[in-house]
N, C-alpha and C. Protein backbone atom coordinates (compact mmCIF):
# COMPACT_ATOMS: atom_id res chain seq x y z
N MET A 1 -1.82 15.21 5.50
CA MET A 1 -2.30 13.60 5.82
C MET A 1 -1.26 13.24 6.73
N HIS A 2 -1.61 12.74 7.81
CA HIS A 2 -0.79 12.05 8.92
C HIS A 2 -0.59 10.69 8.51
N ILE A 3 0.45 10.27 8.15
CA ILE A 3 0.78 8.80 7.91
C ILE A 3 1.29 8.09 9.12
N ASP A 4 0.55 6.95 9.57
CA ASP A 4 0.88 6.26 10.72
C ASP A 4 2.09 5.37 10.45
N LYS A 5 2.09 4.74 9.23
CA LYS A 5 3.36 3.71 9.00
C LYS A 5 3.89 3.90 7.81
N ASP A 6 5.23 3.88 7.47
CA ASP A 6 5.59 3.75 6.05
C ASP A 6 6.27 2.49 5.70
N LEU A 7 6.15 1.99 4.54
CA LEU A 7 6.61 0.57 4.25
C LEU A 7 7.40 0.96 2.85
N ASP A 8 8.70 0.39 2.99
CA ASP A 8 9.39 0.55 1.54
C ASP A 8 9.56 -0.73 1.02
N THR A 9 9.00 -0.96 -0.19
CA THR A 9 8.89 -2.12 -0.98
C THR A 9 9.62 -1.99 -2.27
N ARG A 10 10.42 -0.91 -2.27
CA ARG A 10 11.15 -0.65 -3.67
C ARG A 10 12.15 -1.85 -3.88
N GLY A 11 12.00 -2.09 -5.22
CA GLY A 11 12.89 -3.32 -5.42
C GLY A 11 12.27 -4.66 -5.56
N LEU A 12 11.10 -4.76 -4.87
CA LEU A 12 10.29 -6.07 -4.82
C LEU A 12 9.25 -6.34 -5.83
N ASN A 13 9.18 -7.26 -6.25
CA ASN A 13 7.91 -7.52 -7.26
C ASN A 13 6.89 -8.27 -6.75
N CYS A 14 5.84 -8.22 -7.48
CA CYS A 14 4.39 -8.96 -7.02
C CYS A 14 4.97 -10.46 -6.66
N PRO A 15 4.42 -10.83 -5.56
CA PRO A 15 3.33 -10.37 -4.84
C PRO A 15 3.77 -9.76 -3.48
N LEU A 16 5.47 -9.59 -3.38
CA LEU A 16 5.74 -9.10 -2.12
C LEU A 16 5.29 -7.74 -1.69
N PRO A 17 4.99 -6.70 -2.28
CA PRO A 17 4.66 -5.70 -1.85
C PRO A 17 3.15 -5.78 -1.14
N ILE A 18 2.46 -6.59 -1.86
CA ILE A 18 1.10 -6.81 -1.35
C ILE A 18 1.03 -7.44 -0.01
N LEU A 19 2.03 -8.54 -0.04
CA LEU A 19 2.43 -9.31 1.29
C LEU A 19 2.75 -8.66 2.44
N LYS A 20 3.73 -7.90 2.19
CA LYS A 20 4.23 -7.02 3.27
C LYS A 20 3.15 -6.08 3.81
N ALA A 21 2.37 -5.32 2.78
CA ALA A 21 1.48 -4.32 3.35
C ALA A 21 0.33 -4.89 3.89
N LYS A 22 0.00 -6.25 3.65
CA LYS A 22 -1.06 -7.09 4.29
C LYS A 22 -0.72 -7.18 5.87
N LYS A 23 0.63 -7.57 6.08
CA LYS A 23 1.38 -7.93 7.33
C LYS A 23 1.29 -6.58 8.29
N ALA A 24 1.68 -5.41 7.44
CA ALA A 24 1.78 -4.36 8.24
C ALA A 24 0.61 -3.60 8.77
N LEU A 25 -0.57 -4.00 7.90
CA LEU A 25 -2.05 -3.64 8.16
C LEU A 25 -2.51 -4.24 9.64
N THR A 26 -2.06 -5.68 9.56
CA THR A 26 -2.59 -6.28 10.68
C THR A 26 -2.01 -5.87 12.20
N ASP A 27 -1.16 -5.08 11.92
CA ASP A 27 -0.45 -4.54 13.27
C ASP A 27 -0.89 -3.08 13.50
N MET A 28 -1.91 -2.45 12.51
CA MET A 28 -2.41 -1.23 12.78
C MET A 28 -3.92 -1.34 13.15
N HIS A 29 -4.20 -0.21 13.75
CA HIS A 29 -5.57 0.13 14.24
C HIS A 29 -6.39 0.51 13.24
N ALA A 30 -7.83 0.33 13.23
CA ALA A 30 -8.80 0.86 12.35
C ALA A 30 -8.63 2.45 12.16
N GLY A 31 -8.35 2.85 11.04
CA GLY A 31 -8.61 4.38 10.44
C GLY A 31 -7.09 4.80 10.34
N GLN A 32 -6.17 4.07 10.87
CA GLN A 32 -4.68 4.68 10.57
C GLN A 32 -4.37 4.46 9.24
N LEU A 33 -3.34 5.16 8.88
CA LEU A 33 -2.86 5.00 7.52
C LEU A 33 -1.52 4.49 7.16
N LEU A 34 -1.48 3.98 6.17
CA LEU A 34 -0.04 3.14 5.57
C LEU A 34 0.12 3.61 4.32
N ARG A 35 1.49 4.15 4.28
CA ARG A 35 1.90 4.36 2.84
C ARG A 35 2.97 3.45 2.53
N VAL A 36 2.89 2.92 1.48
CA VAL A 36 3.80 1.88 0.66
C VAL A 36 4.60 2.54 -0.57
N THR A 37 5.69 2.63 -0.57
CA THR A 37 6.53 3.02 -1.79
C THR A 37 6.88 1.73 -2.59
N ALA A 38 6.49 1.74 -3.77
CA ALA A 38 6.85 0.65 -4.78
C ALA A 38 7.54 0.99 -5.91
N THR A 39 8.22 0.09 -6.45
CA THR A 39 8.92 0.22 -7.90
C THR A 39 8.34 -0.55 -8.75
N ASP A 40 7.50 -1.45 -8.40
CA ASP A 40 6.62 -2.23 -9.36
C ASP A 40 5.52 -1.74 -9.92
N ALA A 41 5.65 -1.49 -11.43
CA ALA A 41 4.59 -0.69 -12.04
C ALA A 41 3.11 -1.62 -11.90
N GLY A 42 3.31 -2.88 -11.68
CA GLY A 42 2.16 -3.49 -11.59
C GLY A 42 1.39 -3.58 -10.03
N SER A 43 2.12 -2.91 -9.12
CA SER A 43 1.51 -2.69 -7.94
C SER A 43 0.22 -1.83 -7.87
N VAL A 44 0.19 -0.86 -8.82
CA VAL A 44 -1.00 0.21 -9.11
C VAL A 44 -2.36 -0.75 -8.99
N ARG A 45 -2.43 -1.46 -9.94
CA ARG A 45 -3.71 -2.30 -10.05
C ARG A 45 -3.61 -3.38 -9.00
N ASP A 46 -2.55 -3.89 -8.57
CA ASP A 46 -2.48 -4.85 -7.33
C ASP A 46 -3.20 -4.42 -6.25
N PHE A 47 -2.77 -3.00 -5.86
CA PHE A 47 -3.28 -2.40 -4.66
C PHE A 47 -4.79 -1.99 -4.76
N GLN A 48 -5.27 -1.68 -6.00
CA GLN A 48 -6.47 -1.60 -6.26
C GLN A 48 -7.52 -2.99 -5.88
N ALA A 49 -6.73 -3.92 -6.37
CA ALA A 49 -7.70 -5.13 -6.17
C ALA A 49 -7.45 -5.58 -4.66
N PHE A 50 -6.50 -5.41 -4.04
CA PHE A 50 -6.27 -5.65 -2.58
C PHE A 50 -7.15 -4.88 -1.88
N ALA A 51 -7.51 -3.68 -1.99
CA ALA A 51 -8.40 -2.84 -1.20
C ALA A 51 -9.79 -3.38 -1.58
N LYS A 52 -9.98 -3.75 -2.65
CA LYS A 52 -11.56 -4.17 -3.00
C LYS A 52 -11.82 -5.56 -2.23
N GLN A 53 -10.75 -6.71 -2.30
CA GLN A 53 -10.81 -7.70 -1.37
C GLN A 53 -10.70 -7.86 -0.07
N THR A 54 -10.06 -6.76 0.40
CA THR A 54 -10.04 -6.75 1.82
C THR A 54 -10.78 -5.84 2.69
N GLY A 55 -11.23 -4.85 1.87
CA GLY A 55 -12.22 -3.66 2.43
C GLY A 55 -11.50 -2.65 3.17
N ASN A 56 -10.01 -2.52 2.89
CA ASN A 56 -9.18 -1.51 3.44
C ASN A 56 -9.30 -0.49 2.37
N GLU A 57 -9.28 0.75 2.66
CA GLU A 57 -9.61 2.03 1.88
C GLU A 57 -8.20 2.50 1.07
N LEU A 58 -8.37 2.22 -0.31
CA LEU A 58 -7.26 2.96 -1.07
C LEU A 58 -7.43 4.51 -1.10
N VAL A 59 -6.76 5.10 -0.14
CA VAL A 59 -7.12 6.61 -0.15
C VAL A 59 -6.30 7.45 -1.60
N GLU A 60 -5.35 6.89 -1.66
CA GLU A 60 -4.52 7.54 -2.80
C GLU A 60 -3.43 6.78 -3.49
N GLN A 61 -3.22 7.21 -4.79
CA GLN A 61 -2.14 6.52 -5.31
C GLN A 61 -1.59 7.55 -6.47
N GLN A 62 -0.34 7.63 -6.27
CA GLN A 62 0.39 8.64 -6.91
C GLN A 62 1.83 8.13 -7.62
N THR A 63 2.44 8.66 -8.86
CA THR A 63 3.49 8.16 -9.47
C THR A 63 4.53 9.43 -9.35
N GLN A 64 5.70 9.06 -8.77
CA GLN A 64 6.80 10.05 -8.69
C GLN A 64 7.92 9.53 -9.39
N GLY A 65 8.13 9.77 -10.49
CA GLY A 65 9.17 9.05 -11.45
C GLY A 65 8.87 7.82 -11.46
N SER A 66 9.94 6.80 -11.05
CA SER A 66 9.97 5.33 -11.20
C SER A 66 9.37 4.66 -9.92
N GLU A 67 8.76 5.38 -9.13
CA GLU A 67 8.19 5.20 -7.87
C GLU A 67 6.56 5.21 -7.85
N PHE A 68 5.95 4.33 -7.19
CA PHE A 68 4.43 4.39 -7.05
C PHE A 68 4.26 4.23 -5.60
N ILE A 69 3.38 5.34 -5.09
CA ILE A 69 2.94 5.68 -3.97
C ILE A 69 1.60 5.16 -3.72
N HIS A 70 1.18 4.34 -2.60
CA HIS A 70 -0.13 3.84 -2.39
C HIS A 70 -0.19 4.20 -0.68
N ILE A 71 -1.39 4.64 -0.70
CA ILE A 71 -1.83 5.03 0.80
C ILE A 71 -2.97 4.32 1.11
N LEU A 72 -3.02 3.66 2.18
CA LEU A 72 -4.37 2.56 2.55
C LEU A 72 -4.68 3.29 4.08
N ARG A 73 -6.07 3.09 4.09
CA ARG A 73 -6.47 3.19 5.37
C ARG A 73 -6.96 1.93 5.97
N ARG A 74 -6.73 1.67 7.15
CA ARG A 74 -7.15 0.28 7.64
C ARG A 74 -8.35 0.21 8.04
N ARG A 75 -8.94 -0.76 7.66
CA ARG A 75 -10.60 -0.88 7.81
C ARG A 75 -10.67 -1.18 9.43
């Protein structure tokens, strides 16, 4: 999977990972992929809700130790 932009939000709590992802997505083209790395456990459900609300596709979510990886496709 080709990731177009990586966003590190480790150490940040809600709503900062979502706000930073929203800003990053505005600078991207339709179809590009954004990978967000977070340490906030609440980010799992936050990104699910964010994708539904904005129309961006939540391609994948995974947990690696204490980190949560979210991959979004820009609409």
